[in-house]
Every structure is written in structure tokens, then in C-alpha cells.
All heavy atoms as atom14 arrays in JSON, in Angstrom:
{
  "sequence": "SILHLILCRQPFADIARGTKRIEYRDYTLYWRTRLEGRKYDVIHFRN",
  "atom14_mask": [
    [1, 1, 1, 1, 1, 1, 0, 0, 0, 0, 0, 0, 0, 0],
    [1, 1, 1, 1, 1, 1, 1, 1, 0, 0, 0, 0, 0, 0],
    [1, 1, 1, 1, 1, 1, 1, 1, 0, 0, 0, 0, 0, 0],
    [1, 1, 1, 1, 1, 1, 1, 1, 1, 1, 0, 0, 0, 0],
    [1, 1, 1, 1, 1, 1, 1, 1, 0, 0, 0, 0, 0, 0],
    [1, 1, 1, 1, 1, 1, 1, 1, 0, 0, 0, 0, 0, 0],
    [1, 1, 1, 1, 1, 1, 1, 1, 0, 0, 0, 0, 0, 0],
    [1, 1, 1, 1, 1, 1, 0, 0, 0, 0, 0, 0, 0, 0],
    [1, 1, 1, 1, 1, 1, 1, 1, 1, 1, 1, 0, 0, 0],
    [1, 1, 1, 1, 1, 1, 1, 1, 1, 0, 0, 0, 0, 0],
    [1, 1, 1, 1, 1, 1, 1, 0, 0, 0, 0, 0, 0, 0],
    [1, 1, 1, 1, 1, 1, 1, 1, 1, 1, 1, 0, 0, 0],
    [1, 1, 1, 1, 1, 0, 0, 0, 0, 0, 0, 0, 0, 0],
    [1, 1, 1, 1, 1, 1, 1, 1, 0, 0, 0, 0, 0, 0],
    [1, 1, 1, 1, 1, 1, 1, 1, 0, 0, 0, 0, 0, 0],
    [1, 1, 1, 1, 1, 0, 0, 0, 0, 0, 0, 0, 0, 0],
    [1, 1, 1, 1, 1, 1, 1, 1, 1, 1, 1, 0, 0, 0],
    [1, 1, 1, 1, 0, 0, 0, 0, 0, 0, 0, 0, 0, 0],
    [1, 1, 1, 1, 1, 1, 1, 0, 0, 0, 0, 0, 0, 0],
    [1, 1, 1, 1, 1, 1, 1, 1, 1, 0, 0, 0, 0, 0],
    [1, 1, 1, 1, 1, 1, 1, 1, 1, 1, 1, 0, 0, 0],
    [1, 1, 1, 1, 1, 1, 1, 1, 0, 0, 0, 0, 0, 0],
    [1, 1, 1, 1, 1, 1, 1, 1, 1, 0, 0, 0, 0, 0],
    [1, 1, 1, 1, 1, 1, 1, 1, 1, 1, 1, 1, 0, 0],
    [1, 1, 1, 1, 1, 1, 1, 1, 1, 1, 1, 0, 0, 0],
    [1, 1, 1, 1, 1, 1, 1, 1, 0, 0, 0, 0, 0, 0],
    [1, 1, 1, 1, 1, 1, 1, 1, 1, 1, 1, 1, 0, 0],
    [1, 1, 1, 1, 1, 1, 1, 0, 0, 0, 0, 0, 0, 0],
    [1, 1, 1, 1, 1, 1, 1, 1, 0, 0, 0, 0, 0, 0],
    [1, 1, 1, 1, 1, 1, 1, 1, 1, 1, 1, 1, 0, 0],
    [1, 1, 1, 1, 1, 1, 1, 1, 1, 1, 1, 1, 1, 1],
    [1, 1, 1, 1, 1, 1, 1, 1, 1, 1, 1, 0, 0, 0],
    [1, 1, 1, 1, 1, 1, 1, 0, 0, 0, 0, 0, 0, 0],
    [1, 1, 1, 1, 1, 1, 1, 1, 1, 1, 1, 0, 0, 0],
    [1, 1, 1, 1, 1, 1, 1, 1, 0, 0, 0, 0, 0, 0],
    [1, 1, 1, 1, 1, 1, 1, 1, 1, 0, 0, 0, 0, 0],
    [1, 1, 1, 1, 0, 0, 0, 0, 0, 0, 0, 0, 0, 0],
    [1, 1, 1, 1, 1, 1, 1, 1, 1, 1, 1, 0, 0, 0],
    [1, 1, 1, 1, 1, 1, 1, 1, 1, 0, 0, 0, 0, 0],
    [1, 1, 1, 1, 1, 1, 1, 1, 1, 1, 1, 1, 0, 0],
    [1, 1, 1, 1, 1, 1, 1, 1, 0, 0, 0, 0, 0, 0],
    [1, 1, 1, 1, 1, 1, 1, 0, 0, 0, 0, 0, 0, 0],
    [1, 1, 1, 1, 1, 1, 1, 1, 0, 0, 0, 0, 0, 0],
    [1, 1, 1, 1, 1, 1, 1, 1, 1, 1, 0, 0, 0, 0],
    [1, 1, 1, 1, 1, 1, 1, 1, 1, 1, 1, 0, 0, 0],
    [1, 1, 1, 1, 1, 1, 1, 1, 1, 1, 1, 0, 0, 0],
    [1, 1, 1, 1, 1, 1, 1, 1, 0, 0, 0, 0, 0, 0]
  ],
  "atom14_positions": [
    [[0.95, -1.15, 0.02], [0.05, 0.04, -0.02], [0.88, 1.26, -0.03], [1.78, 1.46, 0.86], [-0.88, -0.01, 1.24], [-1.66, 1.05, 1.22], [0.0, 0.0, 0.0], [0.0, 0.0, 0.0], [0.0, 0.0, 0.0], [0.0, 0.0, 0.0], [0.0, 0.0, 0.0], [0.0, 0.0, 0.0], [0.0, 0.0, 0.0], [0.0, 0.0, 0.0]],
    [[0.68, 2.14, -0.98], [1.5, 3.31, -1.16], [0.83, 4.64, -0.94], [-0.24, 4.79, -1.39], [2.07, 3.28, -2.59], [2.97, 1.99, -2.77], [3.0, 4.44, -2.8], [3.42, 1.75, -4.28], [0.0, 0.0, 0.0], [0.0, 0.0, 0.0], [0.0, 0.0, 0.0], [0.0, 0.0, 0.0], [0.0, 0.0, 0.0], [0.0, 0.0, 0.0]],
    [[1.4, 5.51, -0.11], [0.92, 6.83, 0.12], [1.75, 7.76, -0.82], [2.95, 7.73, -0.77], [1.17, 7.23, 1.5], [0.83, 8.65, 1.85], [-0.61, 9.0, 1.69], [1.28, 8.93, 3.35], [0.0, 0.0, 0.0], [0.0, 0.0, 0.0], [0.0, 0.0, 0.0], [0.0, 0.0, 0.0], [0.0, 0.0, 0.0], [0.0, 0.0, 0.0]],
    [[1.06, 8.43, -1.72], [1.64, 9.33, -2.72], [1.7, 10.79, -2.19], [0.56, 11.29, -1.85], [1.03, 9.29, -4.03], [1.04, 7.95, -4.64], [2.05, 7.52, -5.43], [0.2, 6.89, -4.6], [1.84, 6.33, -5.87], [0.75, 5.9, -5.33], [0.0, 0.0, 0.0], [0.0, 0.0, 0.0], [0.0, 0.0, 0.0], [0.0, 0.0, 0.0]],
    [[2.89, 11.39, -2.02], [3.02, 12.76, -1.56], [3.82, 13.61, -2.49], [4.92, 13.1, -3.0], [3.54, 12.84, -0.2], [2.69, 12.14, 0.93], [3.51, 12.27, 2.29], [1.38, 12.86, 1.06], [0.0, 0.0, 0.0], [0.0, 0.0, 0.0], [0.0, 0.0, 0.0], [0.0, 0.0, 0.0], [0.0, 0.0, 0.0], [0.0, 0.0, 0.0]],
    [[3.52, 14.78, -2.77], [4.27, 15.81, -3.53], [5.02, 16.81, -2.56], [4.41, 17.32, -1.7], [3.34, 16.63, -4.44], [2.53, 15.67, -5.41], [4.14, 17.52, -5.32], [3.31, 14.81, -6.25], [0.0, 0.0, 0.0], [0.0, 0.0, 0.0], [0.0, 0.0, 0.0], [0.0, 0.0, 0.0], [0.0, 0.0, 0.0], [0.0, 0.0, 0.0]],
    [[6.28, 16.93, -2.84], [7.07, 17.88, -2.01], [7.77, 18.94, -2.86], [8.03, 18.69, -4.03], [8.18, 17.11, -1.21], [7.68, 16.1, -0.22], [8.85, 15.4, 0.35], [6.9, 16.8, 0.91], [0.0, 0.0, 0.0], [0.0, 0.0, 0.0], [0.0, 0.0, 0.0], [0.0, 0.0, 0.0], [0.0, 0.0, 0.0], [0.0, 0.0, 0.0]],
    [[8.05, 20.01, -2.19], [8.92, 21.1, -2.86], [10.41, 20.64, -2.77], [10.74, 19.59, -2.13], [8.75, 22.36, -2.13], [7.12, 23.13, -2.26], [0.0, 0.0, 0.0], [0.0, 0.0, 0.0], [0.0, 0.0, 0.0], [0.0, 0.0, 0.0], [0.0, 0.0, 0.0], [0.0, 0.0, 0.0], [0.0, 0.0, 0.0], [0.0, 0.0, 0.0]],
    [[11.23, 21.39, -3.36], [12.75, 20.97, -3.52], [13.33, 20.8, -2.13], [14.05, 19.75, -1.93], [13.43, 22.02, -4.32], [14.85, 21.66, -4.44], [15.64, 22.64, -5.37], [15.03, 22.56, -6.72], [15.25, 23.47, -7.64], [16.08, 24.45, -7.42], [14.71, 23.37, -8.81], [0.0, 0.0, 0.0], [0.0, 0.0, 0.0], [0.0, 0.0, 0.0]],
    [[13.25, 21.73, -1.2], [14.07, 21.6, 0.0], [13.65, 20.51, 0.92], [14.49, 19.72, 1.35], [13.99, 23.02, 0.77], [14.92, 23.05, 1.94], [16.39, 22.84, 1.42], [16.85, 23.51, 0.43], [17.13, 22.03, 2.22], [0.0, 0.0, 0.0], [0.0, 0.0, 0.0], [0.0, 0.0, 0.0], [0.0, 0.0, 0.0], [0.0, 0.0, 0.0]],
    [[12.32, 20.3, 1.21], [11.93, 19.13, 2.02], [12.36, 17.81, 1.35], [12.77, 16.9, 2.04], [10.41, 19.26, 2.16], [10.11, 20.71, 1.82], [11.15, 21.16, 0.95], [0.0, 0.0, 0.0], [0.0, 0.0, 0.0], [0.0, 0.0, 0.0], [0.0, 0.0, 0.0], [0.0, 0.0, 0.0], [0.0, 0.0, 0.0], [0.0, 0.0, 0.0]],
    [[12.18, 17.74, -0.02], [12.57, 16.49, -0.68], [14.04, 16.26, -0.49], [14.43, 15.15, -0.25], [12.29, 16.74, -2.18], [12.45, 15.41, -3.01], [11.53, 14.54, -3.1], [13.72, 15.2, -3.66], [11.65, 13.38, -3.97], [13.9, 13.99, -4.36], [12.85, 13.17, -4.5], [0.0, 0.0, 0.0], [0.0, 0.0, 0.0], [0.0, 0.0, 0.0]],
    [[14.94, 17.28, -0.62], [16.32, 17.13, -0.49], [16.74, 16.75, 1.06], [17.59, 15.92, 1.16], [17.03, 18.44, -0.85], [0.0, 0.0, 0.0], [0.0, 0.0, 0.0], [0.0, 0.0, 0.0], [0.0, 0.0, 0.0], [0.0, 0.0, 0.0], [0.0, 0.0, 0.0], [0.0, 0.0, 0.0], [0.0, 0.0, 0.0], [0.0, 0.0, 0.0]],
    [[16.1, 17.35, 1.97], [16.24, 16.97, 3.38], [15.93, 15.5, 3.64], [16.71, 14.87, 4.41], [15.42, 17.92, 4.31], [15.83, 19.33, 4.32], [17.04, 19.57, 3.79], [15.07, 20.19, 4.66], [0.0, 0.0, 0.0], [0.0, 0.0, 0.0], [0.0, 0.0, 0.0], [0.0, 0.0, 0.0], [0.0, 0.0, 0.0], [0.0, 0.0, 0.0]],
    [[14.91, 14.96, 3.12], [14.54, 13.58, 3.3], [15.61, 12.67, 2.59], [16.05, 11.71, 3.19], [13.14, 13.25, 2.76], [12.14, 14.01, 3.71], [12.84, 11.78, 2.75], [10.7, 13.94, 3.14], [0.0, 0.0, 0.0], [0.0, 0.0, 0.0], [0.0, 0.0, 0.0], [0.0, 0.0, 0.0], [0.0, 0.0, 0.0], [0.0, 0.0, 0.0]],
    [[15.94, 13.12, 1.37], [17.04, 12.34, 0.7], [18.27, 12.26, 1.46], [19.0, 11.21, 1.42], [17.21, 12.94, -0.78], [0.0, 0.0, 0.0], [0.0, 0.0, 0.0], [0.0, 0.0, 0.0], [0.0, 0.0, 0.0], [0.0, 0.0, 0.0], [0.0, 0.0, 0.0], [0.0, 0.0, 0.0], [0.0, 0.0, 0.0], [0.0, 0.0, 0.0]],
    [[18.69, 13.38, 2.1], [19.92, 13.39, 2.86], [19.75, 12.66, 4.18], [20.79, 12.32, 4.82], [20.34, 14.8, 3.17], [21.22, 15.44, 2.14], [21.83, 16.72, 2.73], [20.74, 17.6, 3.24], [20.19, 18.64, 2.72], [20.68, 19.02, 1.5], [19.22, 19.31, 3.24], [0.0, 0.0, 0.0], [0.0, 0.0, 0.0], [0.0, 0.0, 0.0]],
    [[18.58, 12.42, 4.59], [18.4, 11.84, 5.89], [18.28, 12.69, 7.07], [18.21, 12.2, 8.24], [0.0, 0.0, 0.0], [0.0, 0.0, 0.0], [0.0, 0.0, 0.0], [0.0, 0.0, 0.0], [0.0, 0.0, 0.0], [0.0, 0.0, 0.0], [0.0, 0.0, 0.0], [0.0, 0.0, 0.0], [0.0, 0.0, 0.0], [0.0, 0.0, 0.0]],
    [[18.17, 14.04, 6.88], [18.06, 14.96, 7.97], [16.67, 15.19, 8.48], [16.41, 15.67, 9.49], [18.66, 16.28, 7.61], [18.11, 16.81, 6.4], [20.21, 16.18, 7.42], [0.0, 0.0, 0.0], [0.0, 0.0, 0.0], [0.0, 0.0, 0.0], [0.0, 0.0, 0.0], [0.0, 0.0, 0.0], [0.0, 0.0, 0.0], [0.0, 0.0, 0.0]],
    [[15.73, 14.86, 7.54], [14.28, 15.02, 7.88], [13.68, 13.68, 8.07], [13.56, 12.96, 7.1], [13.56, 15.83, 6.85], [12.17, 16.11, 7.16], [11.51, 17.01, 6.2], [10.06, 17.3, 6.6], [9.3, 18.16, 5.6], [0.0, 0.0, 0.0], [0.0, 0.0, 0.0], [0.0, 0.0, 0.0], [0.0, 0.0, 0.0], [0.0, 0.0, 0.0]],
    [[13.24, 13.34, 9.25], [12.69, 11.97, 9.51], [11.24, 12.0, 9.78], [10.58, 10.88, 9.95], [13.37, 11.41, 10.74], [14.87, 11.41, 10.72], [15.45, 10.66, 9.48], [15.06, 9.23, 9.54], [15.15, 8.49, 8.55], [15.61, 8.81, 7.45], [14.72, 7.21, 8.68], [0.0, 0.0, 0.0], [0.0, 0.0, 0.0], [0.0, 0.0, 0.0]],
    [[10.63, 13.22, 9.79], [9.12, 13.23, 9.99], [8.53, 14.35, 8.96], [9.13, 15.35, 8.74], [8.78, 13.72, 11.42], [9.22, 12.75, 12.44], [7.27, 14.01, 11.48], [9.12, 13.22, 13.86], [0.0, 0.0, 0.0], [0.0, 0.0, 0.0], [0.0, 0.0, 0.0], [0.0, 0.0, 0.0], [0.0, 0.0, 0.0], [0.0, 0.0, 0.0]],
    [[7.48, 13.85, 8.31], [6.73, 14.84, 7.4], [5.43, 15.29, 8.08], [4.72, 14.37, 8.55], [6.43, 14.03, 6.07], [5.7, 14.85, 5.07], [6.39, 16.06, 4.6], [7.57, 16.2, 4.64], [5.65, 16.98, 4.11], [0.0, 0.0, 0.0], [0.0, 0.0, 0.0], [0.0, 0.0, 0.0], [0.0, 0.0, 0.0], [0.0, 0.0, 0.0]],
    [[5.16, 16.48, 8.06], [4.03, 17.03, 8.66], [2.93, 17.36, 7.73], [3.18, 17.9, 6.68], [4.33, 18.23, 9.53], [5.37, 18.02, 10.58], [6.65, 18.26, 10.39], [4.96, 17.41, 11.86], [7.65, 17.94, 11.4], [5.85, 17.13, 12.85], [7.25, 17.39, 12.63], [8.08, 17.15, 13.58], [0.0, 0.0, 0.0], [0.0, 0.0, 0.0]],
    [[1.67, 17.11, 8.14], [0.46, 17.56, 7.38], [-0.57, 18.11, 8.25], [-0.67, 17.61, 9.45], [-0.1, 16.34, 6.63], [0.85, 15.76, 5.57], [1.03, 16.58, 4.44], [1.88, 16.06, 3.4], [2.53, 16.73, 2.55], [2.52, 17.99, 2.46], [3.32, 15.99, 1.66], [0.0, 0.0, 0.0], [0.0, 0.0, 0.0], [0.0, 0.0, 0.0]],
    [[-1.32, 19.11, 7.83], [-2.36, 19.7, 8.65], [-3.49, 18.69, 8.89], [-3.72, 17.81, 8.04], [-2.9, 20.89, 7.95], [-2.03, 22.1, 7.89], [-1.12, 22.13, 8.82], [-2.09, 22.93, 6.88], [0.0, 0.0, 0.0], [0.0, 0.0, 0.0], [0.0, 0.0, 0.0], [0.0, 0.0, 0.0], [0.0, 0.0, 0.0], [0.0, 0.0, 0.0]],
    [[-4.09, 18.89, 10.07], [-5.33, 18.03, 10.33], [-6.55, 18.63, 9.65], [-7.26, 19.51, 10.24], [-5.44, 17.97, 11.84], [-6.58, 17.1, 12.36], [-6.42, 15.69, 12.31], [-7.78, 17.62, 12.9], [-7.5, 14.95, 12.71], [-8.8, 16.87, 13.28], [-8.61, 15.42, 13.2], [-9.71, 14.71, 13.59], [0.0, 0.0, 0.0], [0.0, 0.0, 0.0]],
    [[-6.74, 18.25, 8.52], [-7.92, 18.7, 7.63], [-8.74, 17.47, 7.22], [-8.3, 16.33, 7.31], [-7.47, 19.5, 6.42], [-6.73, 18.62, 5.6], [-6.64, 20.68, 6.83], [0.0, 0.0, 0.0], [0.0, 0.0, 0.0], [0.0, 0.0, 0.0], [0.0, 0.0, 0.0], [0.0, 0.0, 0.0], [0.0, 0.0, 0.0], [0.0, 0.0, 0.0]],
    [[-9.9, 17.68, 6.73], [-10.71, 16.68, 6.22], [-10.07, 15.87, 5.11], [-10.08, 14.68, 5.06], [-12.04, 17.18, 5.7], [-13.01, 16.13, 5.06], [-13.42, 15.12, 6.17], [-14.28, 16.83, 4.51], [0.0, 0.0, 0.0], [0.0, 0.0, 0.0], [0.0, 0.0, 0.0], [0.0, 0.0, 0.0], [0.0, 0.0, 0.0], [0.0, 0.0, 0.0]],
    [[-9.31, 16.58, 4.23], [-8.58, 15.93, 3.13], [-7.59, 14.91, 3.68], [-7.46, 13.76, 3.21], [-7.91, 17.02, 2.29], [-7.07, 16.38, 1.19], [-7.62, 15.92, 0.06], [-5.68, 16.32, 1.34], [-6.87, 15.37, -0.97], [-4.84, 15.74, 0.28], [-5.52, 15.3, -0.82], [-4.72, 14.76, -1.83], [0.0, 0.0, 0.0], [0.0, 0.0, 0.0]],
    [[-6.71, 15.42, 4.62], [-5.71, 14.5, 5.21], [-6.27, 13.46, 6.11], [-5.75, 12.34, 6.23], [-4.63, 15.26, 5.81], [-3.77, 15.99, 4.84], [-3.83, 17.39, 4.63], [-2.95, 15.44, 3.83], [-3.03, 17.66, 3.52], [-2.5, 16.54, 3.04], [-2.65, 14.13, 3.41], [-1.56, 16.25, 1.98], [-1.73, 14.01, 2.44], [-1.28, 14.97, 1.72]],
    [[-7.43, 13.71, 6.71], [-7.99, 12.71, 7.63], [-8.46, 11.5, 6.77], [-8.24, 10.38, 7.19], [-9.16, 13.3, 8.34], [-8.98, 13.61, 9.71], [-10.26, 13.85, 10.57], [-11.28, 14.5, 9.89], [-11.58, 15.78, 9.96], [-10.98, 16.64, 10.7], [-12.67, 16.28, 9.32], [0.0, 0.0, 0.0], [0.0, 0.0, 0.0], [0.0, 0.0, 0.0]],
    [[-9.09, 11.84, 5.58], [-9.52, 10.65, 4.79], [-8.42, 9.86, 4.13], [-8.56, 8.72, 3.9], [-10.49, 11.21, 3.73], [-9.81, 12.21, 2.89], [-11.78, 11.82, 4.27], [0.0, 0.0, 0.0], [0.0, 0.0, 0.0], [0.0, 0.0, 0.0], [0.0, 0.0, 0.0], [0.0, 0.0, 0.0], [0.0, 0.0, 0.0], [0.0, 0.0, 0.0]],
    [[-7.3, 10.5, 3.91], [-6.15, 9.82, 3.31], [-5.25, 9.12, 4.34], [-4.6, 8.15, 3.94], [-5.3, 10.86, 2.48], [-5.92, 11.31, 1.28], [-4.98, 12.04, 0.42], [-3.99, 11.24, -0.19], [-2.97, 11.69, -0.76], [-2.67, 12.94, -0.85], [-2.03, 10.84, -1.35], [0.0, 0.0, 0.0], [0.0, 0.0, 0.0], [0.0, 0.0, 0.0]],
    [[-5.29, 9.51, 5.59], [-4.34, 8.99, 6.53], [-4.91, 8.12, 7.62], [-4.43, 7.04, 7.89], [-3.58, 10.12, 7.18], [-2.62, 10.94, 6.27], [-2.09, 12.13, 7.07], [-1.57, 10.05, 5.64], [0.0, 0.0, 0.0], [0.0, 0.0, 0.0], [0.0, 0.0, 0.0], [0.0, 0.0, 0.0], [0.0, 0.0, 0.0], [0.0, 0.0, 0.0]],
    [[-6.04, 8.54, 8.2], [-6.67, 7.87, 9.3], [-7.29, 6.54, 8.9], [-8.07, 6.49, 7.85], [-7.64, 8.72, 10.1], [-6.93, 9.7, 11.03], [-7.94, 10.47, 11.87], [-9.15, 10.17, 11.88], [-7.42, 11.44, 12.49], [0.0, 0.0, 0.0], [0.0, 0.0, 0.0], [0.0, 0.0, 0.0], [0.0, 0.0, 0.0], [0.0, 0.0, 0.0]],
    [[-7.22, 5.5, 9.66], [-7.74, 4.2, 9.36], [-7.21, 3.49, 8.13], [-7.82, 2.53, 7.72], [0.0, 0.0, 0.0], [0.0, 0.0, 0.0], [0.0, 0.0, 0.0], [0.0, 0.0, 0.0], [0.0, 0.0, 0.0], [0.0, 0.0, 0.0], [0.0, 0.0, 0.0], [0.0, 0.0, 0.0], [0.0, 0.0, 0.0], [0.0, 0.0, 0.0]],
    [[-6.06, 3.93, 7.69], [-5.39, 3.22, 6.59], [-4.03, 2.71, 6.98], [-3.39, 3.33, 7.89], [-5.25, 4.11, 5.4], [-6.57, 4.54, 4.81], [-6.37, 5.3, 3.59], [-7.66, 5.66, 2.95], [-7.82, 5.99, 1.68], [-6.76, 6.01, 0.93], [-9.02, 6.35, 1.23], [0.0, 0.0, 0.0], [0.0, 0.0, 0.0], [0.0, 0.0, 0.0]],
    [[-3.57, 1.69, 6.34], [-2.25, 1.15, 6.62], [-1.34, 1.29, 5.45], [-1.72, 0.72, 4.29], [-2.36, -0.35, 7.06], [-0.96, -0.82, 7.44], [-1.06, -2.17, 8.08], [0.31, -2.88, 8.36], [1.45, -2.21, 7.89], [0.0, 0.0, 0.0], [0.0, 0.0, 0.0], [0.0, 0.0, 0.0], [0.0, 0.0, 0.0], [0.0, 0.0, 0.0]],
    [[-0.31, 1.94, 5.43], [0.56, 2.15, 4.38], [1.87, 1.36, 4.6], [2.33, 1.2, 5.81], [0.9, 3.59, 4.09], [-0.24, 4.34, 3.68], [-0.96, 5.21, 4.45], [-0.74, 4.21, 2.31], [-2.06, 5.94, 4.0], [-1.83, 4.95, 1.85], [-2.47, 5.8, 2.69], [-3.6, 6.53, 2.32], [0.0, 0.0, 0.0], [0.0, 0.0, 0.0]],
    [[2.49, 0.91, 3.58], [3.82, 0.24, 3.62], [4.9, 1.2, 3.21], [6.07, 1.2, 3.75], [3.85, -0.96, 2.86], [2.87, -2.04, 3.25], [2.8, -2.39, 4.49], [2.14, -2.49, 2.4], [0.0, 0.0, 0.0], [0.0, 0.0, 0.0], [0.0, 0.0, 0.0], [0.0, 0.0, 0.0], [0.0, 0.0, 0.0], [0.0, 0.0, 0.0]],
    [[4.61, 2.02, 2.12], [5.69, 2.84, 1.58], [5.07, 4.19, 1.21], [3.93, 4.35, 0.92], [6.17, 2.15, 0.2], [7.07, 3.04, -0.57], [6.64, 0.8, 0.41], [0.0, 0.0, 0.0], [0.0, 0.0, 0.0], [0.0, 0.0, 0.0], [0.0, 0.0, 0.0], [0.0, 0.0, 0.0], [0.0, 0.0, 0.0], [0.0, 0.0, 0.0]],
    [[5.91, 5.26, 1.32], [5.56, 6.52, 0.83], [6.29, 6.92, -0.43], [7.54, 6.81, -0.43], [5.9, 7.66, 1.99], [5.26, 7.29, 3.25], [5.41, 8.98, 1.51], [5.77, 8.1, 4.48], [0.0, 0.0, 0.0], [0.0, 0.0, 0.0], [0.0, 0.0, 0.0], [0.0, 0.0, 0.0], [0.0, 0.0, 0.0], [0.0, 0.0, 0.0]],
    [[5.59, 7.26, -1.48], [6.21, 7.66, -2.72], [6.26, 9.2, -2.78], [5.19, 9.78, -2.89], [5.36, 7.08, -3.89], [5.8, 7.51, -5.16], [4.98, 7.9, -6.19], [7.12, 7.72, -5.73], [5.65, 8.25, -7.2], [6.93, 8.12, -7.0], [0.0, 0.0, 0.0], [0.0, 0.0, 0.0], [0.0, 0.0, 0.0], [0.0, 0.0, 0.0]],
    [[7.38, 9.77, -2.72], [7.63, 11.19, -2.75], [7.98, 11.6, -4.2], [8.83, 10.98, -4.75], [8.8, 11.65, -1.77], [8.37, 11.61, -0.38], [8.98, 10.6, 0.49], [7.53, 12.56, 0.26], [8.65, 10.51, 1.84], [7.13, 12.48, 1.59], [7.74, 11.49, 2.29], [0.0, 0.0, 0.0], [0.0, 0.0, 0.0], [0.0, 0.0, 0.0]],
    [[7.4, 12.72, -4.62], [7.79, 13.3, -5.91], [8.2, 14.79, -5.61], [7.5, 15.44, -4.83], [6.67, 13.32, -6.93], [6.42, 11.97, -7.52], [5.3, 12.06, -8.51], [5.59, 12.89, -9.65], [6.22, 12.6, -10.8], [6.52, 11.31, -10.9], [6.46, 13.5, -11.72], [0.0, 0.0, 0.0], [0.0, 0.0, 0.0], [0.0, 0.0, 0.0]],
    [[9.14, 15.25, -6.36], [9.6, 16.68, -6.13], [8.95, 17.39, -7.23], [9.44, 17.59, -8.35], [11.17, 16.71, -6.3], [11.63, 18.05, -6.06], [10.95, 18.96, -5.67], [12.92, 18.28, -6.42], [0.0, 0.0, 0.0], [0.0, 0.0, 0.0], [0.0, 0.0, 0.0], [0.0, 0.0, 0.0], [0.0, 0.0, 0.0], [0.0, 0.0, 0.0]]
  ]
}
């Protein structure tokens, strides 16, 4: 199960370097439906 997320250049680079270990998202209806009650194995990031 894959969670697809789009990132800007700097956060993408920070994750690639290993300095960013947590990605934050606002608690909105959109993110609630995509995140709560689901189980993901992998996150697919695109810059």
C-alpha cells in the first residue's frame, strides 16, 4: 500500500539526505480521509 505525496525541493532534499525523519500535514478533512484508518507500507515522494 503506497501513500503518494508531492514535495517542494528543500523538504525533498532533506529527506533524501536523511536529515528530515518526519513529514507534517495539517489536520484537515482531506488528510483525515487519506491517513486515518489506513495502513501504508511505503511513501512515494515526488519533487
